[in-house]
Protein backbone atom coordinates (compact mmCIF):
# COMPACT_ATOMS: atom_id res chain seq x y z
CA UNK A 1 74.18 -83.63 -99.15
CA UNK A 2 71.91 -86.68 -98.67
CA UNK A 3 69.45 -87.66 -101.38
CA UNK A 4 65.79 -88.51 -100.91
CA UNK A 5 63.34 -90.25 -103.20
CA UNK A 6 59.74 -89.09 -103.39
CA UNK A 7 56.67 -90.70 -104.82
CA UNK A 8 54.27 -88.22 -106.36
CA UNK A 9 50.93 -88.71 -108.07
CA UNK A 10 51.06 -89.07 -111.85
CA UNK A 11 49.00 -85.90 -112.27
CA UNK A 12 51.64 -83.85 -110.47
CA UNK A 13 54.43 -85.47 -112.47
CA UNK A 14 52.65 -84.52 -115.69
CA UNK A 15 52.45 -80.90 -114.60
CA UNK A 16 56.07 -80.80 -113.45
CA UNK A 17 57.35 -82.35 -116.65
CA UNK A 18 55.72 -79.58 -118.68
CA UNK A 19 57.94 -77.04 -116.91
CA UNK A 20 61.56 -78.22 -117.15
CA UNK A 21 62.71 -74.62 -116.80
CA UNK A 22 61.76 -74.71 -113.12
CA UNK A 23 64.34 -76.04 -110.68
CA UNK A 24 62.01 -78.43 -108.84
CA UNK A 25 64.81 -79.72 -106.63
CA UNK A 26 65.31 -76.18 -105.32
CA UNK A 27 61.59 -75.76 -104.64
CA UNK A 28 61.45 -79.03 -102.71
CA UNK A 29 64.60 -78.15 -100.76
CA UNK A 30 63.25 -74.69 -99.89
CA UNK A 31 59.91 -76.17 -98.81
CA UNK A 32 61.60 -78.74 -96.61
CA UNK A 33 63.87 -76.11 -95.11
CA UNK A 34 60.92 -73.82 -94.30
CA UNK A 35 59.05 -76.68 -92.64
CA UNK A 36 62.17 -77.74 -90.72
CA UNK A 37 62.61 -74.17 -89.40
CA UNK A 38 59.04 -74.24 -88.10
CA UNK A 39 59.70 -77.55 -86.38
CA UNK A 40 62.91 -76.20 -84.87
CA UNK A 41 60.98 -73.20 -83.50
CA UNK A 42 58.27 -75.48 -82.08
CA UNK A 43 60.94 -77.64 -80.43
CA UNK A 44 62.57 -74.55 -78.93
CA UNK A 45 59.29 -73.14 -77.62
CA UNK A 46 58.10 -76.44 -76.18
CA UNK A 47 61.43 -77.59 -74.73
CA UNK A 48 60.77 -75.80 -71.45
CA UNK A 49 57.06 -76.57 -71.34
CA UNK A 50 55.72 -78.25 -68.23
CA UNK A 51 52.56 -79.40 -70.02
CA UNK A 52 52.14 -83.13 -70.41
CA UNK A 53 50.82 -84.70 -73.59
CA UNK A 54 47.56 -85.22 -71.73
CA UNK A 55 47.39 -81.50 -70.86
CA UNK A 56 48.02 -80.57 -74.48
CA UNK A 57 45.30 -82.95 -75.70
CA UNK A 58 42.81 -81.50 -73.21
CA UNK A 59 43.67 -77.93 -74.23
CA UNK A 60 43.38 -78.90 -77.90
CA UNK A 61 39.89 -80.37 -77.40
CA UNK A 62 38.76 -77.32 -75.40
CA UNK A 63 39.96 -74.85 -78.02
CA UNK A 64 38.39 -76.81 -80.87
CA UNK A 65 35.08 -77.13 -79.02
CA UNK A 66 35.01 -73.39 -78.31
CA UNK A 67 35.83 -72.55 -81.92
CA UNK A 68 33.14 -74.91 -83.13
CA UNK A 69 30.55 -73.26 -80.84
CA UNK A 70 31.64 -69.79 -81.94
CA UNK A 71 31.40 -70.46 -85.65
CA UNK A 72 28.11 -72.36 -85.40
CA UNK A 73 26.53 -69.27 -83.83
CA UNK A 74 27.48 -66.87 -86.60
């Protein structure tokens, strides 16, 4: 299995070091695996998409504008 090196803020390191009973490597691995599964699903869903990047950007702006209008009203 490949190794990775992470830089974390000192504050986080202080918290982690107070809990040596926790298998932090396992937590990081599980988190990465969960994120990778989401990416794999996104890749699968979008692989057959006919939308261009421009179409996606336009849809993104439209949705965000509509949400902004909706929540400013309430």
